[in-house]
Amino acid sequence: MAAGGGTKAVVTALCANLAIAAAKLVAWAFSGSSSMLAEGVHSIADSSNQALLLLGGKRAQRAATPQHPFGYGRERYVYSFIVAIVLFSLGGLFALYEGWHKISDPHAIEHWYWPVGVLTFAIFAEAFALRTAVKEANEVRGGRSWWQFVRTAKAPELPVILLEDLGAICGLFLALIGVGIALITGNGVWDGIGTLCIGVLLVIIAVILAVETKSLLLGEGAGEEDVDAIRTALVDGDTVTGVLGLRTMYVGPDDLLVAAKISVAHDDTAAEVARAIDEAEARVRAAVQVHCIVYLEPDIARTPDTL
């Protein structure tokens, strides 16, 4: 996976969730807790999601073809959108159904030490996975807040893992609270209520992921800072005297398409303009950290123009 893809965080989360899913399902089999079943399915969904992210990262590395001249970088966005769908359906909707079913037909939790022990283990395992994701994200987050990072990151894997791990820890505490109250009161309805809360949490996270990934699929431009840097880099004050129009779009998490119309003097020779374009392209690539695919169209400045 390319830089910023958080491969270590994805693999760590996958290993943790496989172990947690097995433990939760064993606890459900012995205790009959619906919260444990919902959390087990949640961990299975998370595991499949991380496998999808790894698959998307692998497929995105394919070389460009005549049919896909800008490569397959956006495939990472496609798989991230599938992750949101899986989390919504397999995680959120199943938990909502299981919670409603447990409230409609409550029964006491048996062998309480199974769900309590497994939930405690799962909290520590998910906390370790979240710590790894936070550490990876801090390397590329810069000065952005966590919410800004989730909203503006062009590589989808780290925001997905961060939200999944955070949701998993919150869900585990909800399950622990539901199981705890059910054990104290002897009323299995509380286990179902905890399961419903888990379902609502997963649906909210899935919707956030879907909205953000849809924006990436539609094609997002460079951030304000990068756009300003590109505008400044294009103008040399000699041959290139201004920027008449500028469009940017990420064709993949690590590839930025830059198309600009630049103004040149009417008496510049073709050789001078060609040299100025080459130099401007080099300055743009040096001005931003991401790989840039640059197309420049020279024109004579008259009135504000658009591409």
C-alpha atoms as a PDB file:
ATOM      1  CA  MET A   1       0.000   0.000   0.000  1.00  0.00           C
ATOM      2  CA  ALA A   2       1.293   3.460  -0.826  1.00  0.00           C
ATOM      3  CA  ALA A   3       2.536   5.977   1.700  1.00  0.00           C
ATOM      4  CA  GLY A   4      -0.156   7.189   4.037  1.00  0.00           C
ATOM      5  CA  GLY A   5      -2.119   3.965   3.607  1.00  0.00           C
ATOM      6  CA  GLY A   6      -1.429   2.767   7.164  1.00  0.00           C
ATOM      7  CA  THR A   7      -0.658  -0.847   6.225  1.00  0.00           C
ATOM      8  CA  LYS A   8       0.716  -1.595   9.704  1.00  0.00           C
ATOM      9  CA  ALA A   9      -2.449  -0.237  11.324  1.00  0.00           C
ATOM     10  CA  VAL A  10      -4.665  -2.305   8.992  1.00  0.00           C
ATOM     11  CA  VAL A  11      -2.743  -5.545   9.605  1.00  0.00           C
ATOM     12  CA  THR A  12      -2.672  -4.956  13.382  1.00  0.00           C
ATOM     13  CA  ALA A  13      -6.418  -4.324  13.434  1.00  0.00           C
ATOM     14  CA  LEU A  14      -7.048  -7.440  11.312  1.00  0.00           C
ATOM     15  CA  CYS A  15      -5.064  -9.708  13.638  1.00  0.00           C
ATOM     16  CA  ALA A  16      -6.695  -8.223  16.731  1.00  0.00           C
ATOM     17  CA  ASN A  17     -10.222  -8.542  15.343  1.00  0.00           C
ATOM     18  CA  LEU A  18      -9.780 -12.161  14.245  1.00  0.00           C
ATOM     19  CA  ALA A  19      -8.712 -13.115  17.768  1.00  0.00           C
ATOM     20  CA  ILE A  20     -11.456 -11.005  19.351  1.00  0.00           C
ATOM     21  CA  ALA A  21     -14.172 -12.386  17.044  1.00  0.00           C
ATOM     22  CA  ALA A  22     -13.292 -15.965  17.978  1.00  0.00           C
ATOM     23  CA  ALA A  23     -13.279 -15.115  21.698  1.00  0.00           C
ATOM     24  CA  LYS A  24     -16.622 -13.285  21.529  1.00  0.00           C
ATOM     25  CA  LEU A  25     -18.367 -16.096  19.682  1.00  0.00           C
ATOM     26  CA  VAL A  26     -17.097 -18.632  22.218  1.00  0.00           C
ATOM     27  CA  ALA A  27     -18.377 -16.392  25.015  1.00  0.00           C
ATOM     28  CA  TRP A  28     -21.761 -16.091  23.291  1.00  0.00           C
ATOM     29  CA  ALA A  29     -21.999 -19.880  22.913  1.00  0.00           C
ATOM     30  CA  PHE A  30     -21.428 -20.380  26.656  1.00  0.00           C
ATOM     31  CA  SER A  31     -23.375 -17.386  28.017  1.00  0.00           C
ATOM     32  CA  GLY A  32     -26.192 -16.767  25.514  1.00  0.00           C
ATOM     33  CA  SER A  33     -25.513 -12.999  25.665  1.00  0.00           C
ATOM     34  CA  SER A  34     -26.931 -11.150  22.644  1.00  0.00           C
ATOM     35  CA  SER A  35     -24.390  -8.361  23.214  1.00  0.00           C
ATOM     36  CA  MET A  36     -21.628 -10.922  22.746  1.00  0.00           C
ATOM     37  CA  LEU A  37     -23.220 -12.218  19.546  1.00  0.00           C
ATOM     38  CA  ALA A  38     -23.606  -8.682  18.180  1.00  0.00           C
ATOM     39  CA  GLU A  39     -20.030  -7.853  19.143  1.00  0.00           C
ATOM     40  CA  GLY A  40     -18.814 -11.119  17.595  1.00  0.00           C
ATOM     41  CA  VAL A  41     -20.495 -10.288  14.283  1.00  0.00           C
ATOM     42  CA  HIS A  42     -19.118  -6.742  14.600  1.00  0.00           C
ATOM     43  CA  SER A  43     -15.575  -8.125  14.882  1.00  0.00           C
ATOM     44  CA  ILE A  44     -16.168 -10.447  11.913  1.00  0.00           C
ATOM     45  CA  ALA A  45     -17.365  -7.433   9.909  1.00  0.00           C
ATOM     46  CA  ASP A  46     -14.307  -5.449  10.990  1.00  0.00           C
ATOM     47  CA  SER A  47     -12.002  -8.328  10.000  1.00  0.00           C
ATOM     48  CA  SER A  48     -13.570  -8.568   6.545  1.00  0.00           C
ATOM     49  CA  ASN A  49     -13.302  -4.791   6.229  1.00  0.00           C
ATOM     50  CA  GLN A  50      -9.581  -4.821   6.944  1.00  0.00           C
ATOM     51  CA  ALA A  51      -9.107  -7.628   4.429  1.00  0.00           C
ATOM     52  CA  LEU A  52     -10.968  -5.489   1.883  1.00  0.00           C
ATOM     53  CA  LEU A  53      -8.706  -2.498   2.605  1.00  0.00           C
ATOM     54  CA  LEU A  54      -5.614  -4.647   2.048  1.00  0.00           C
ATOM     55  CA  LEU A  55      -7.090  -6.031  -1.177  1.00  0.00           C
ATOM     56  CA  GLY A  56      -7.939  -2.529  -2.396  1.00  0.00           C
ATOM     57  CA  GLY A  57      -4.416  -1.330  -1.630  1.00  0.00           C
ATOM     58  CA  LYS A  58      -2.952  -4.261  -3.563  1.00  0.00           C
ATOM     59  CA  ARG A  59      -5.191  -3.792  -6.611  1.00  0.00           C
ATOM     60  CA  ALA A  60      -4.533  -0.034  -6.651  1.00  0.00           C
ATOM     61  CA  GLN A  61      -0.849  -0.717  -7.367  1.00  0.00           C
ATOM     62  CA  ARG A  62      -1.573  -2.051 -10.861  1.00  0.00           C
ATOM     63  CA  ALA A  63       0.099  -0.164 -13.696  1.00  0.00           C
ATOM     64  CA  ALA A  64      -1.867   2.275 -15.831  1.00  0.00           C
ATOM     65  CA  THR A  65      -3.510   0.913 -18.991  1.00  0.00           C
ATOM     66  CA  PRO A  66      -4.962   2.593 -22.104  1.00  0.00           C
ATOM     67  CA  GLN A  67      -8.420   2.034 -20.577  1.00  0.00           C
ATOM     68  CA  HIS A  68      -7.322   3.507 -17.228  1.00  0.00           C
ATOM     69  CA  PRO A  69      -4.560   5.968 -18.176  1.00  0.00           C
ATOM     70  CA  PHE A  70      -4.317   7.474 -14.674  1.00  0.00           C
ATOM     71  CA  GLY A  71      -3.917   4.072 -13.031  1.00  0.00           C
ATOM     72  CA  TYR A  72      -6.056   2.308 -10.444  1.00  0.00           C
ATOM     73  CA  GLY A  73      -5.438   4.476  -7.374  1.00  0.00           C
ATOM     74  CA  ARG A  74      -9.151   5.172  -6.913  1.00  0.00           C
ATOM     75  CA  GLU A  75      -9.754   1.470  -6.333  1.00  0.00           C
ATOM     76  CA  ARG A  76      -8.768   2.171  -2.726  1.00  0.00           C
ATOM     77  CA  TYR A  77     -11.790   4.480  -2.503  1.00  0.00           C
ATOM     78  CA  VAL A  78     -14.077   1.813  -3.954  1.00  0.00           C
ATOM     79  CA  TYR A  79     -13.056  -0.781  -1.380  1.00  0.00           C
ATOM     80  CA  SER A  80     -13.359   1.762   1.427  1.00  0.00           C
ATOM     81  CA  PHE A  81     -16.936   2.460   0.319  1.00  0.00           C
ATOM     82  CA  ILE A  82     -17.642  -1.279   0.380  1.00  0.00           C
ATOM     83  CA  VAL A  83     -16.273  -1.308   3.939  1.00  0.00           C
ATOM     84  CA  ALA A  84     -18.878   1.289   4.942  1.00  0.00           C
ATOM     85  CA  ILE A  85     -21.639  -0.860   3.414  1.00  0.00           C
ATOM     86  CA  VAL A  86     -20.424  -3.998   5.230  1.00  0.00           C
ATOM     87  CA  LEU A  87     -20.183  -2.130   8.528  1.00  0.00           C
ATOM     88  CA  PHE A  88     -23.695  -0.735   8.072  1.00  0.00           C
ATOM     89  CA  SER A  89     -25.354  -4.024   7.089  1.00  0.00           C
ATOM     90  CA  LEU A  90     -23.383  -6.841   8.711  1.00  0.00           C
ATOM     91  CA  GLY A  91     -22.467  -4.830  11.800  1.00  0.00           C
ATOM     92  CA  GLY A  92     -25.094  -2.162  12.491  1.00  0.00           C
ATOM     93  CA  LEU A  93     -28.302  -3.671  11.150  1.00  0.00           C
ATOM     94  CA  PHE A  94     -27.550  -7.112  12.589  1.00  0.00           C
ATOM     95  CA  ALA A  95     -26.918  -5.605  16.036  1.00  0.00           C
ATOM     96  CA  LEU A  96     -30.195  -3.653  15.845  1.00  0.00           C
ATOM     97  CA  TYR A  97     -32.087  -6.832  14.915  1.00  0.00           C
ATOM     98  CA  GLU A  98     -30.399  -8.889  17.634  1.00  0.00           C
ATOM     99  CA  GLY A  99     -31.076  -6.201  20.243  1.00  0.00           C
ATOM    100  CA  TRP A 100     -34.763  -6.019  19.318  1.00  0.00           C
ATOM    101  CA  HIS A 101     -34.964  -9.816  19.396  1.00  0.00           C
ATOM    102  CA  LYS A 102     -33.382  -9.999  22.870  1.00  0.00           C
ATOM    103  CA  ILE A 103     -35.705  -7.287  24.242  1.00  0.00           C
ATOM    104  CA  SER A 104     -38.725  -9.119  22.804  1.00  0.00           C
ATOM    105  CA  ASP A 105     -37.617 -12.441  24.286  1.00  0.00           C
ATOM    106  CA  PRO A 106     -35.218 -11.743  27.192  1.00  0.00           C
ATOM    107  CA  HIS A 107     -33.394 -14.464  29.026  1.00  0.00           C
ATOM    108  CA  ALA A 108     -30.769 -14.462  31.747  1.00  0.00           C
ATOM    109  CA  ILE A 109     -27.062 -14.543  30.959  1.00  0.00           C
ATOM    110  CA  GLU A 110     -25.376 -17.802  31.892  1.00  0.00           C
ATOM    111  CA  HIS A 111     -21.733 -18.228  32.907  1.00  0.00           C
ATOM    112  CA  TRP A 112     -21.204 -14.490  33.407  1.00  0.00           C
ATOM    113  CA  TYR A 113     -17.428 -14.818  33.550  1.00  0.00           C
ATOM    114  CA  TRP A 114     -17.265 -15.643  29.828  1.00  0.00           C
ATOM    115  CA  PRO A 115     -18.668 -12.370  28.471  1.00  0.00           C
ATOM    116  CA  VAL A 116     -16.998 -10.230  31.148  1.00  0.00           C
ATOM    117  CA  GLY A 117     -13.604 -11.870  30.618  1.00  0.00           C
ATOM    118  CA  VAL A 118     -13.785 -11.723  26.829  1.00  0.00           C
ATOM    119  CA  LEU A 119     -14.975  -8.109  26.792  1.00  0.00           C
ATOM    120  CA  THR A 120     -12.105  -7.101  29.055  1.00  0.00           C
ATOM    121  CA  PHE A 121      -9.609  -8.893  26.798  1.00  0.00           C
ATOM    122  CA  ALA A 122     -11.191  -7.329  23.705  1.00  0.00           C
ATOM    123  CA  ILE A 123     -10.952  -3.802  25.146  1.00  0.00           C
ATOM    124  CA  PHE A 124      -7.206  -4.199  25.666  1.00  0.00           C
ATOM    125  CA  ALA A 125      -6.721  -5.732  22.199  1.00  0.00           C
ATOM    126  CA  GLU A 126      -8.727  -2.979  20.477  1.00  0.00           C
ATOM    127  CA  ALA A 127      -6.889  -0.324  22.484  1.00  0.00           C
ATOM    128  CA  PHE A 128      -3.594  -1.716  21.173  1.00  0.00           C
ATOM    129  CA  ALA A 129      -4.924  -1.641  17.596  1.00  0.00           C
ATOM    130  CA  LEU A 130      -6.193   1.931  18.071  1.00  0.00           C
ATOM    131  CA  ARG A 131      -2.824   2.981  19.516  1.00  0.00           C
ATOM    132  CA  THR A 132      -1.101   1.649  16.390  1.00  0.00           C
ATOM    133  CA  ALA A 133      -3.549   3.492  14.120  1.00  0.00           C
ATOM    134  CA  VAL A 134      -3.089   6.750  16.068  1.00  0.00           C
ATOM    135  CA  LYS A 135       0.694   6.420  15.836  1.00  0.00           C
ATOM    136  CA  GLU A 136       0.505   5.851  12.055  1.00  0.00           C
ATOM    137  CA  ALA A 137      -1.942   8.725  11.599  1.00  0.00           C
ATOM    138  CA  ASN A 138       0.209  11.150  13.589  1.00  0.00           C
ATOM    139  CA  GLU A 139       2.994  10.672  11.046  1.00  0.00           C
ATOM    140  CA  VAL A 140       0.818  12.152   8.265  1.00  0.00           C
ATOM    141  CA  ARG A 141      -1.761  14.218  10.170  1.00  0.00           C
ATOM    142  CA  GLY A 142       0.349  17.352  10.553  1.00  0.00           C
ATOM    143  CA  GLY A 143      -1.406  20.159  12.387  1.00  0.00           C
ATOM    144  CA  ARG A 144      -4.917  18.989  11.561  1.00  0.00           C
ATOM    145  CA  SER A 145      -7.372  18.047  14.292  1.00  0.00           C
ATOM    146  CA  TRP A 146      -8.570  14.444  14.311  1.00  0.00           C
ATOM    147  CA  TRP A 147     -11.917  15.418  12.805  1.00  0.00           C
ATOM    148  CA  GLN A 148     -10.173  17.458  10.093  1.00  0.00           C
ATOM    149  CA  PHE A 149      -7.904  14.517   9.387  1.00  0.00           C
ATOM    150  CA  VAL A 150     -10.856  12.170   8.901  1.00  0.00           C
ATOM    151  CA  ARG A 151     -12.609  14.748   6.720  1.00  0.00           C
ATOM    152  CA  THR A 152      -9.638  15.749   4.544  1.00  0.00           C
ATOM    153  CA  ALA A 153      -7.363  12.689   4.324  1.00  0.00           C
ATOM    154  CA  LYS A 154      -7.002  11.483   0.739  1.00  0.00           C
ATOM    155  CA  ALA A 155      -5.761   8.024   1.727  1.00  0.00           C
ATOM    156  CA  PRO A 156      -8.907   6.346   3.117  1.00  0.00           C
ATOM    157  CA  GLU A 157      -7.403   3.476   5.101  1.00  0.00           C
ATOM    158  CA  LEU A 158      -6.294   5.312   8.236  1.00  0.00           C
ATOM    159  CA  PRO A 159      -9.569   7.231   8.756  1.00  0.00           C
ATOM    160  CA  VAL A 160     -11.472   3.957   8.282  1.00  0.00           C
ATOM    161  CA  ILE A 161      -9.307   2.092  10.798  1.00  0.00           C
ATOM    162  CA  LEU A 162      -9.435   4.962  13.308  1.00  0.00           C
ATOM    163  CA  LEU A 163     -13.230   5.136  13.203  1.00  0.00           C
ATOM    164  CA  GLU A 164     -13.589   1.341  13.280  1.00  0.00           C
ATOM    165  CA  ASP A 165     -11.259   0.935  16.253  1.00  0.00           C
ATOM    166  CA  LEU A 166     -12.856   3.834  18.129  1.00  0.00           C
ATOM    167  CA  GLY A 167     -16.309   2.421  17.401  1.00  0.00           C
ATOM    168  CA  ALA A 168     -15.161  -1.031  18.509  1.00  0.00           C
ATOM    169  CA  ILE A 169     -13.919   0.243  21.874  1.00  0.00           C
ATOM    170  CA  CYS A 170     -17.111   2.251  22.454  1.00  0.00           C
ATOM    171  CA  GLY A 171     -19.177  -0.798  21.466  1.00  0.00           C
ATOM    172  CA  LEU A 172     -17.248  -3.002  23.882  1.00  0.00           C
ATOM    173  CA  PHE A 173     -17.928  -0.628  26.767  1.00  0.00           C
ATOM    174  CA  LEU A 174     -21.612  -0.520  25.791  1.00  0.00           C
ATOM    175  CA  ALA A 175     -21.696  -4.322  25.730  1.00  0.00           C
ATOM    176  CA  LEU A 176     -19.931  -4.484  29.099  1.00  0.00           C
ATOM    177  CA  ILE A 177     -22.415  -2.032  30.612  1.00  0.00           C
ATOM    178  CA  GLY A 178     -25.389  -3.935  29.155  1.00  0.00           C
ATOM    179  CA  VAL A 179     -24.081  -7.294  30.355  1.00  0.00           C
ATOM    180  CA  GLY A 180     -23.190  -5.844  33.765  1.00  0.00           C
ATOM    181  CA  ILE A 181     -26.646  -4.367  34.384  1.00  0.00           C
ATOM    182  CA  ALA A 182     -28.280  -7.568  33.128  1.00  0.00           C
ATOM    183  CA  LEU A 183     -26.224  -9.602  35.596  1.00  0.00           C
ATOM    184  CA  ILE A 184     -26.918  -7.237  38.505  1.00  0.00           C
ATOM    185  CA  THR A 185     -30.677  -7.006  37.872  1.00  0.00           C
ATOM    186  CA  GLY A 186     -31.175 -10.486  36.472  1.00  0.00           C
ATOM    187  CA  ASN A 187     -33.083  -8.865  33.605  1.00  0.00           C
ATOM    188  CA  GLY A 188     -31.858  -9.861  30.125  1.00  0.00           C
ATOM    189  CA  VAL A 189     -33.608  -6.828  28.589  1.00  0.00           C
ATOM    190  CA  TRP A 190     -30.562  -4.718  29.518  1.00  0.00           C
ATOM    191  CA  ASP A 191     -28.385  -6.985  27.421  1.00  0.00           C
ATOM    192  CA  GLY A 192     -30.691  -6.272  24.485  1.00  0.00           C
ATOM    193  CA  ILE A 193     -30.600  -2.515  25.153  1.00  0.00           C
ATOM    194  CA  GLY A 194     -26.802  -2.623  25.113  1.00  0.00           C
ATOM    195  CA  THR A 195     -26.968  -4.463  21.792  1.00  0.00           C
ATOM    196  CA  LEU A 196     -29.300  -1.803  20.344  1.00  0.00           C
ATOM    197  CA  CYS A 197     -26.859   0.922  21.396  1.00  0.00           C
ATOM    198  CA  ILE A 198     -24.053  -0.941  19.639  1.00  0.00           C
ATOM    199  CA  GLY A 199     -26.161  -1.114  16.474  1.00  0.00           C
ATOM    200  CA  VAL A 200     -26.900   2.624  16.530  1.00  0.00           C
ATOM    201  CA  LEU A 201     -23.196   3.390  17.047  1.00  0.00           C
ATOM    202  CA  LEU A 202     -22.134   1.197  14.110  1.00  0.00           C
ATOM    203  CA  VAL A 203     -24.763   2.682  11.798  1.00  0.00           C
ATOM    204  CA  ILE A 204     -23.567   6.226  12.634  1.00  0.00           C
ATOM    205  CA  ILE A 205     -19.922   5.323  11.955  1.00  0.00           C
ATOM    206  CA  ALA A 206     -20.870   3.563   8.708  1.00  0.00           C
ATOM    207  CA  VAL A 207     -22.799   6.628   7.489  1.00  0.00           C
ATOM    208  CA  ILE A 208     -19.838   8.926   8.266  1.00  0.00           C
ATOM    209  CA  LEU A 209     -17.495   6.609   6.349  1.00  0.00           C
ATOM    210  CA  ALA A 210     -19.892   6.362   3.406  1.00  0.00           C
ATOM    211  CA  VAL A 211     -20.287  10.150   3.127  1.00  0.00           C
ATOM    212  CA  GLU A 212     -16.545  10.807   3.277  1.00  0.00           C
ATOM    213  CA  THR A 213     -15.648   8.004   0.849  1.00  0.00           C
ATOM    214  CA  LYS A 214     -18.358   9.109  -1.595  1.00  0.00           C
ATOM    215  CA  SER A 215     -16.739  12.536  -1.704  1.00  0.00           C
ATOM    216  CA  LEU A 216     -13.396  10.927  -2.581  1.00  0.00           C
ATOM    217  CA  LEU A 217     -15.017   8.784  -5.266  1.00  0.00           C
ATOM    218  CA  LEU A 218     -16.597  11.853  -6.862  1.00  0.00           C
ATOM    219  CA  GLY A 219     -13.163  13.479  -7.062  1.00  0.00           C
ATOM    220  CA  GLU A 220     -11.772  15.904  -4.499  1.00  0.00           C
ATOM    221  CA  GLY A 221      -9.397  18.719  -5.306  1.00  0.00           C
ATOM    222  CA  ALA A 222      -6.240  19.695  -3.473  1.00  0.00           C
ATOM    223  CA  GLY A 223      -6.494  21.474  -0.150  1.00  0.00           C
ATOM    224  CA  GLU A 224      -6.299  25.249   0.149  1.00  0.00           C
ATOM    225  CA  GLU A 225      -2.639  25.250   1.138  1.00  0.00           C
ATOM    226  CA  ASP A 226      -1.629  23.047  -1.790  1.00  0.00           C
ATOM    227  CA  VAL A 227      -3.668  25.130  -4.256  1.00  0.00           C
ATOM    228  CA  ASP A 228      -1.960  28.312  -3.035  1.00  0.00           C
ATOM    229  CA  ALA A 229       1.432  26.604  -3.266  1.00  0.00           C
ATOM    230  CA  ILE A 230       0.706  25.453  -6.819  1.00  0.00           C
ATOM    231  CA  ARG A 231      -0.404  28.951  -7.903  1.00  0.00           C
ATOM    232  CA  THR A 232       2.750  30.450  -6.441  1.00  0.00           C
ATOM    233  CA  ALA A 233       4.975  27.802  -8.032  1.00  0.00           C
ATOM    234  CA  LEU A 234       3.493  28.283 -11.504  1.00  0.00           C
ATOM    235  CA  VAL A 235       4.431  31.962 -11.768  1.00  0.00           C
ATOM    236  CA  ASP A 236       8.085  32.827 -12.257  1.00  0.00           C
ATOM    237  CA  GLY A 237       7.513  36.538 -12.889  1.00  0.00           C
ATOM    238  CA  ASP A 238       9.417  36.315 -16.154  1.00  0.00           C
ATOM    239  CA  THR A 239       7.863  34.073 -18.818  1.00  0.00           C
ATOM    240  CA  VAL A 240       4.887  32.879 -16.788  1.00  0.00           C
ATOM    241  CA  THR A 241       3.234  36.052 -15.531  1.00  0.00           C
ATOM    242  CA  GLY A 242       0.002  34.735 -14.051  1.00  0.00           C
ATOM    243  CA  VAL A 243      -2.494  31.900 -13.631  1.00  0.00           C
ATOM    244  CA  LEU A 244      -5.686  32.329 -15.637  1.00  0.00           C
ATOM    245  CA  GLY A 245      -7.350  29.104 -14.501  1.00  0.00           C
ATOM    246  CA  LEU A 246      -6.507  26.194 -12.225  1.00  0.00           C
ATOM    247  CA  ARG A 247      -8.177  22.865 -11.553  1.00  0.00           C
ATOM    248  CA  THR A 248      -6.915  20.047  -9.332  1.00  0.00           C
ATOM    249  CA  MET A 249      -8.299  16.576  -8.634  1.00  0.00           C
ATOM    250  CA  TYR A 250      -7.003  13.503  -6.855  1.00  0.00           C
ATOM    251  CA  VAL A 251      -7.051  10.575  -9.295  1.00  0.00           C
ATOM    252  CA  GLY A 252      -5.855   8.388  -6.432  1.00  0.00           C
ATOM    253  CA  PRO A 253      -4.708   8.932  -2.850  1.00  0.00           C
ATOM    254  CA  ASP A 254      -1.140   9.547  -4.021  1.00  0.00           C
ATOM    255  CA  ASP A 255      -1.704  11.155  -7.425  1.00  0.00           C
ATOM    256  CA  LEU A 256      -2.879  14.747  -7.956  1.00  0.00           C
ATOM    257  CA  LEU A 257      -3.962  15.939 -11.381  1.00  0.00           C
ATOM    258  CA  VAL A 258      -3.090  19.615 -11.963  1.00  0.00           C
ATOM    259  CA  ALA A 259      -4.499  21.397 -15.031  1.00  0.00           C
ATOM    260  CA  ALA A 260      -3.794  25.120 -15.433  1.00  0.00           C
ATOM    261  CA  LYS A 261      -3.987  27.876 -17.999  1.00  0.00           C
ATOM    262  CA  ILE A 262      -1.018  30.192 -17.572  1.00  0.00           C
ATOM    263  CA  SER A 263      -0.406  33.617 -19.087  1.00  0.00           C
ATOM    264  CA  VAL A 264       2.682  34.358 -21.135  1.00  0.00           C
ATOM    265  CA  ALA A 265       3.854  37.462 -23.023  1.00  0.00           C
ATOM    266  CA  HIS A 266       2.606  37.801 -26.611  1.00  0.00           C
ATOM    267  CA  ASP A 267       6.133  38.127 -27.987  1.00  0.00           C
ATOM    268  CA  ASP A 268       7.606  35.013 -26.298  1.00  0.00           C
ATOM    269  CA  THR A 269       8.965  32.434 -28.710  1.00  0.00           C
ATOM    270  CA  ALA A 270       7.709  28.843 -28.757  1.00  0.00           C
ATOM    271  CA  ALA A 271      11.040  27.663 -27.343  1.00  0.00           C
ATOM    272  CA  GLU A 272      10.797  30.122 -24.451  1.00  0.00           C
ATOM    273  CA  VAL A 273       7.234  29.061 -23.657  1.00  0.00           C
ATOM    274  CA  ALA A 274       8.135  25.356 -23.809  1.00  0.00           C
ATOM    275  CA  ARG A 275      11.080  25.885 -21.476  1.00  0.00           C
ATOM    276  CA  ALA A 276       8.914  27.937 -19.103  1.00  0.00           C
ATOM    277  CA  ILE A 277       6.295  25.163 -19.002  1.00  0.00           C
ATOM    278  CA  ASP A 278       8.919  22.533 -18.151  1.00  0.00           C
ATOM    279  CA  GLU A 279      10.287  24.723 -15.375  1.00  0.00           C
ATOM    280  CA  ALA A 280       6.799  25.475 -14.029  1.00  0.00           C
ATOM    281  CA  GLU A 281       5.962  21.749 -13.919  1.00  0.00           C
ATOM    282  CA  ALA A 282       9.162  21.088 -11.959  1.00  0.00           C
ATOM    283  CA  ARG A 283       8.320  23.866  -9.498  1.00  0.00           C
ATOM    284  CA  VAL A 284       4.814  22.490  -8.943  1.00  0.00           C
ATOM    285  CA  ARG A 285       6.110  18.995  -8.229  1.00  0.00           C
ATOM    286  CA  ALA A 286       8.587  20.437  -5.744  1.00  0.00           C
ATOM    287  CA  ALA A 287       5.934  22.605  -4.055  1.00  0.00           C
ATOM    288  CA  VAL A 288       3.589  19.787  -2.933  1.00  0.00           C
ATOM    289  CA  GLN A 289       4.397  16.463  -1.303  1.00  0.00           C
ATOM    290  CA  VAL A 290       2.065  14.314  -3.386  1.00  0.00           C
ATOM    291  CA  HIS A 291       2.937  13.087  -6.880  1.00  0.00           C
ATOM    292  CA  CYS A 292       1.577  15.545  -9.464  1.00  0.00           C
ATOM    293  CA  ILE A 293       0.417  14.910 -13.014  1.00  0.00           C
ATOM    294  CA  VAL A 294       0.687  18.382 -14.567  1.00  0.00           C
ATOM    295  CA  TYR A 295      -0.892  19.745 -17.743  1.00  0.00           C
ATOM    296  CA  LEU A 296      -0.283  23.408 -18.591  1.00  0.00           C
ATOM    297  CA  GLU A 297      -1.869  25.441 -21.369  1.00  0.00           C
ATOM    298  CA  PRO A 298      -0.158  28.733 -22.246  1.00  0.00           C
ATOM    299  CA  ASP A 299      -2.313  31.734 -23.199  1.00  0.00           C
ATOM    300  CA  ILE A 300      -2.017  35.503 -23.483  1.00  0.00           C
ATOM    301  CA  ALA A 301      -3.592  37.311 -20.556  1.00  0.00           C
ATOM    302  CA  ARG A 302      -6.702  39.236 -21.538  1.00  0.00           C
ATOM    303  CA  THR A 303      -9.604  38.695 -19.150  1.00  0.00           C
ATOM    304  CA  PRO A 304     -10.156  36.183 -16.311  1.00  0.00           C
ATOM    305  CA  ASP A 305     -10.636  32.777 -17.884  1.00  0.00           C
ATOM    306  CA  THR A 306     -11.616  29.288 -16.848  1.00  0.00           C
ATOM    307  CA  LEU A 307     -10.539  25.897 -18.076  1.00  0.00           C
END
